[in-house]
Amino acid sequence: MRAVPFAFYALERSLRSEAAFGATIELMRSPAGRAVLVLLAWASAHHLFAGIRHLLMDVGVGASLGAARASAYATLGTAAAVAAATVLLA
């Protein structure tokens, strides 16, 4: 939810004019902009994968301690992979 104002600001700024759109793209390509994008990608991916993990655990899949720990590490790993892909693609 904290990313929504940032996204609205970037959208509004990019729709002002062609020059503002170019400036927004340059902001996103700066090191600080890329860091924000990577953190947002990691947080979103982690939230998605953790939610799927918990839904599966609610129906009894992976509810044992060992399976729960393995799925927690898998969630962290896949979220990190999404963040790494964002670095490569952004």
N, C-alpha and C. Protein backbone atom coordinates (compact mmCIF):
# COMPACT_ATOMS: atom_id res chain seq x y z
N MET A 1 0.81 -1.20 0.00
CA MET A 1 0.00 0.00 0.00
C MET A 1 0.85 1.26 0.00
N ARG A 2 2.02 1.18 0.53
CA ARG A 2 2.87 2.37 0.58
C ARG A 2 3.43 2.72 -0.79
N ALA A 3 3.38 1.82 -1.73
CA ALA A 3 3.88 2.09 -3.07
C ALA A 3 2.84 2.78 -3.94
N VAL A 4 1.59 2.78 -3.53
CA VAL A 4 0.53 3.37 -4.35
C VAL A 4 0.76 4.86 -4.59
N PRO A 5 1.07 5.67 -3.58
CA PRO A 5 1.33 7.09 -3.87
C PRO A 5 2.50 7.29 -4.84
N PHE A 6 3.54 6.50 -4.70
CA PHE A 6 4.68 6.58 -5.61
C PHE A 6 4.24 6.25 -7.04
N ALA A 7 3.44 5.22 -7.19
CA ALA A 7 2.97 4.83 -8.52
C ALA A 7 2.06 5.90 -9.12
N PHE A 8 1.17 6.47 -8.31
CA PHE A 8 0.29 7.54 -8.80
C PHE A 8 1.10 8.76 -9.21
N TYR A 9 2.10 9.11 -8.40
CA TYR A 9 2.95 10.25 -8.72
C TYR A 9 3.69 10.02 -10.04
N ALA A 10 4.27 8.84 -10.19
CA ALA A 10 5.01 8.54 -11.42
C ALA A 10 4.07 8.55 -12.63
N LEU A 11 2.88 8.01 -12.50
CA LEU A 11 1.91 8.00 -13.60
C LEU A 11 1.49 9.42 -13.94
N GLU A 12 1.14 10.20 -12.93
CA GLU A 12 0.71 11.57 -13.18
C GLU A 12 1.81 12.39 -13.83
N ARG A 13 3.02 12.22 -13.34
CA ARG A 13 4.15 12.96 -13.89
C ARG A 13 4.44 12.56 -15.32
N SER A 14 4.32 11.27 -15.62
CA SER A 14 4.63 10.80 -16.97
C SER A 14 3.57 11.21 -17.99
N LEU A 15 2.35 11.52 -17.52
CA LEU A 15 1.27 11.91 -18.44
C LEU A 15 1.20 13.41 -18.70
N ARG A 16 2.01 14.19 -18.02
CA ARG A 16 1.97 15.65 -18.21
C ARG A 16 2.36 16.05 -19.62
N SER A 17 3.51 15.56 -20.06
CA SER A 17 4.02 15.91 -21.40
C SER A 17 5.06 14.89 -21.81
N GLU A 18 5.52 15.03 -23.04
CA GLU A 18 6.55 14.11 -23.52
C GLU A 18 7.85 14.31 -22.75
N ALA A 19 8.17 15.56 -22.43
CA ALA A 19 9.39 15.84 -21.67
C ALA A 19 9.29 15.27 -20.26
N ALA A 20 8.11 15.40 -19.65
CA ALA A 20 7.93 14.85 -18.30
C ALA A 20 8.00 13.34 -18.33
N PHE A 21 7.49 12.71 -19.40
CA PHE A 21 7.60 11.26 -19.53
C PHE A 21 9.06 10.85 -19.60
N GLY A 22 9.85 11.55 -20.40
CA GLY A 22 11.29 11.25 -20.50
C GLY A 22 12.00 11.44 -19.17
N ALA A 23 11.61 12.47 -18.43
CA ALA A 23 12.22 12.71 -17.13
C ALA A 23 11.86 11.59 -16.14
N THR A 24 10.62 11.11 -16.23
CA THR A 24 10.20 10.01 -15.36
C THR A 24 10.97 8.73 -15.67
N ILE A 25 11.16 8.47 -16.95
CA ILE A 25 11.94 7.29 -17.36
C ILE A 25 13.37 7.41 -16.85
N GLU A 26 13.96 8.59 -16.97
CA GLU A 26 15.33 8.79 -16.48
C GLU A 26 15.40 8.62 -14.96
N LEU A 27 14.36 9.08 -14.26
CA LEU A 27 14.32 8.89 -12.81
C LEU A 27 14.28 7.40 -12.46
N MET A 28 13.49 6.63 -13.21
CA MET A 28 13.39 5.20 -12.95
C MET A 28 14.68 4.46 -13.31
N ARG A 29 15.45 5.01 -14.22
CA ARG A 29 16.71 4.37 -14.61
C ARG A 29 17.89 4.80 -13.74
N SER A 30 17.69 5.78 -12.87
CA SER A 30 18.76 6.20 -11.98
C SER A 30 18.99 5.11 -10.92
N PRO A 31 20.13 5.12 -10.26
CA PRO A 31 20.38 4.11 -9.23
C PRO A 31 19.32 4.11 -8.12
N ALA A 32 18.88 5.28 -7.70
CA ALA A 32 17.84 5.34 -6.66
C ALA A 32 16.51 4.80 -7.19
N GLY A 33 16.18 5.15 -8.42
CA GLY A 33 14.94 4.65 -9.02
C GLY A 33 14.95 3.15 -9.19
N ARG A 34 16.08 2.63 -9.62
CA ARG A 34 16.20 1.17 -9.76
C ARG A 34 16.10 0.47 -8.41
N ALA A 35 16.69 1.07 -7.39
CA ALA A 35 16.60 0.49 -6.05
C ALA A 35 15.15 0.44 -5.58
N VAL A 36 14.41 1.50 -5.83
CA VAL A 36 12.99 1.52 -5.46
C VAL A 36 12.23 0.45 -6.23
N LEU A 37 12.48 0.34 -7.53
CA LEU A 37 11.80 -0.67 -8.33
C LEU A 37 12.12 -2.08 -7.86
N VAL A 38 13.37 -2.34 -7.53
CA VAL A 38 13.77 -3.67 -7.06
C VAL A 38 13.10 -3.99 -5.72
N LEU A 39 13.09 -3.02 -4.81
CA LEU A 39 12.45 -3.25 -3.51
C LEU A 39 10.95 -3.48 -3.67
N LEU A 40 10.31 -2.73 -4.55
CA LEU A 40 8.89 -2.92 -4.78
C LEU A 40 8.61 -4.28 -5.42
N ALA A 41 9.47 -4.69 -6.34
CA ALA A 41 9.30 -6.00 -6.98
C ALA A 41 9.48 -7.12 -5.96
N TRP A 42 10.50 -6.99 -5.11
CA TRP A 42 10.73 -8.02 -4.10
C TRP A 42 9.55 -8.09 -3.12
N ALA A 43 9.09 -6.94 -2.64
CA ALA A 43 8.00 -6.93 -1.68
C ALA A 43 6.72 -7.51 -2.29
N SER A 44 6.43 -7.14 -3.54
CA SER A 44 5.22 -7.66 -4.19
C SER A 44 5.31 -9.16 -4.42
N ALA A 45 6.46 -9.61 -4.90
CA ALA A 45 6.64 -11.05 -5.15
C ALA A 45 6.58 -11.84 -3.84
N HIS A 46 7.22 -11.33 -2.81
CA HIS A 46 7.20 -12.03 -1.52
C HIS A 46 5.78 -12.11 -0.99
N HIS A 47 5.03 -11.03 -1.11
CA HIS A 47 3.65 -11.02 -0.64
C HIS A 47 2.81 -12.04 -1.41
N LEU A 48 2.99 -12.09 -2.71
CA LEU A 48 2.25 -13.04 -3.55
C LEU A 48 2.59 -14.48 -3.19
N PHE A 49 3.88 -14.80 -3.15
CA PHE A 49 4.29 -16.18 -2.90
C PHE A 49 3.98 -16.63 -1.47
N ALA A 50 4.11 -15.72 -0.50
CA ALA A 50 3.76 -16.06 0.88
C ALA A 50 2.25 -16.30 1.01
N GLY A 51 1.47 -15.52 0.28
CA GLY A 51 0.02 -15.73 0.30
C GLY A 51 -0.36 -17.08 -0.27
N ILE A 52 0.26 -17.45 -1.39
CA ILE A 52 0.01 -18.77 -1.98
C ILE A 52 0.43 -19.87 -1.01
N ARG A 53 1.59 -19.68 -0.38
CA ARG A 53 2.09 -20.66 0.59
C ARG A 53 1.09 -20.84 1.73
N HIS A 54 0.56 -19.75 2.26
CA HIS A 54 -0.38 -19.85 3.37
C HIS A 54 -1.71 -20.45 2.94
N LEU A 55 -2.16 -20.15 1.73
CA LEU A 55 -3.38 -20.78 1.24
C LEU A 55 -3.20 -22.29 1.13
N LEU A 56 -2.04 -22.73 0.64
CA LEU A 56 -1.78 -24.16 0.55
C LEU A 56 -1.70 -24.79 1.93
N MET A 57 -1.09 -24.09 2.87
CA MET A 57 -1.01 -24.63 4.22
C MET A 57 -2.39 -24.72 4.87
N ASP A 58 -3.29 -23.80 4.52
CA ASP A 58 -4.65 -23.85 5.07
C ASP A 58 -5.40 -25.11 4.64
N VAL A 59 -5.07 -25.65 3.46
CA VAL A 59 -5.74 -26.87 3.01
C VAL A 59 -4.91 -28.11 3.33
N GLY A 60 -3.83 -27.94 4.10
CA GLY A 60 -3.06 -29.08 4.58
C GLY A 60 -1.83 -29.44 3.77
N VAL A 61 -1.54 -28.70 2.72
CA VAL A 61 -0.36 -28.99 1.90
C VAL A 61 0.84 -28.29 2.53
N GLY A 62 1.84 -29.06 2.90
CA GLY A 62 3.05 -28.50 3.48
C GLY A 62 2.88 -27.98 4.89
N ALA A 63 2.02 -28.60 5.67
CA ALA A 63 1.74 -28.12 7.02
C ALA A 63 2.72 -28.64 8.07
N SER A 64 3.52 -29.65 7.72
CA SER A 64 4.49 -30.16 8.71
C SER A 64 5.61 -29.13 8.88
N LEU A 65 6.34 -29.25 9.98
CA LEU A 65 7.38 -28.27 10.28
C LEU A 65 8.46 -28.23 9.20
N GLY A 66 8.90 -29.38 8.76
CA GLY A 66 9.95 -29.42 7.74
C GLY A 66 9.49 -28.82 6.41
N ALA A 67 8.28 -29.19 6.01
CA ALA A 67 7.74 -28.66 4.76
C ALA A 67 7.48 -27.16 4.86
N ALA A 68 7.03 -26.71 6.02
CA ALA A 68 6.78 -25.29 6.22
C ALA A 68 8.07 -24.48 6.13
N ARG A 69 9.12 -25.00 6.73
CA ARG A 69 10.42 -24.31 6.64
C ARG A 69 10.94 -24.30 5.21
N ALA A 70 10.80 -25.42 4.52
CA ALA A 70 11.26 -25.49 3.14
C ALA A 70 10.49 -24.52 2.25
N SER A 71 9.17 -24.44 2.47
CA SER A 71 8.38 -23.52 1.64
C SER A 71 8.67 -22.06 2.00
N ALA A 72 9.03 -21.79 3.25
CA ALA A 72 9.41 -20.42 3.63
C ALA A 72 10.69 -20.02 2.92
N TYR A 73 11.67 -20.92 2.89
CA TYR A 73 12.91 -20.63 2.16
C TYR A 73 12.66 -20.51 0.66
N ALA A 74 11.77 -21.33 0.13
CA ALA A 74 11.43 -21.25 -1.30
C ALA A 74 10.76 -19.91 -1.61
N THR A 75 9.92 -19.44 -0.71
CA THR A 75 9.27 -18.14 -0.89
C THR A 75 10.30 -17.03 -0.92
N LEU A 76 11.23 -17.06 0.01
CA LEU A 76 12.29 -16.04 0.03
C LEU A 76 13.16 -16.12 -1.22
N GLY A 77 13.48 -17.34 -1.64
CA GLY A 77 14.33 -17.51 -2.82
C GLY A 77 13.65 -17.05 -4.10
N THR A 78 12.38 -17.38 -4.27
CA THR A 78 11.69 -16.97 -5.49
C THR A 78 11.47 -15.46 -5.51
N ALA A 79 11.20 -14.86 -4.37
CA ALA A 79 11.07 -13.41 -4.32
C ALA A 79 12.40 -12.73 -4.65
N ALA A 80 13.49 -13.29 -4.17
CA ALA A 80 14.80 -12.77 -4.51
C ALA A 80 15.11 -12.94 -5.99
N ALA A 81 14.66 -14.04 -6.58
CA ALA A 81 14.87 -14.25 -8.02
C ALA A 81 14.08 -13.24 -8.84
N VAL A 82 12.87 -12.91 -8.40
CA VAL A 82 12.09 -11.89 -9.08
C VAL A 82 12.79 -10.54 -8.99
N ALA A 83 13.32 -10.22 -7.81
CA ALA A 83 14.04 -8.96 -7.63
C ALA A 83 15.29 -8.93 -8.52
N ALA A 84 15.99 -10.05 -8.62
CA ALA A 84 17.17 -10.12 -9.47
C ALA A 84 16.80 -9.95 -10.94
N ALA A 85 15.68 -10.53 -11.33
CA ALA A 85 15.22 -10.37 -12.71
C ALA A 85 14.84 -8.93 -12.98
N THR A 86 14.32 -8.25 -11.98
CA THR A 86 13.98 -6.84 -12.15
C THR A 86 15.23 -6.01 -12.40
N VAL A 87 16.32 -6.35 -11.72
CA VAL A 87 17.58 -5.65 -11.93
C VAL A 87 18.04 -5.83 -13.37
N LEU A 88 17.91 -7.04 -13.88
CA LEU A 88 18.36 -7.31 -15.24
C LEU A 88 17.45 -6.69 -16.30
N LEU A 89 16.16 -6.63 -16.03
CA LEU A 89 15.22 -6.14 -17.02
C LEU A 89 14.96 -4.65 -16.95
N ALA A 90 15.22 -4.04 -15.80
CA ALA A 90 14.91 -2.60 -15.65
C ALA A 90 15.97 -1.73 -16.29
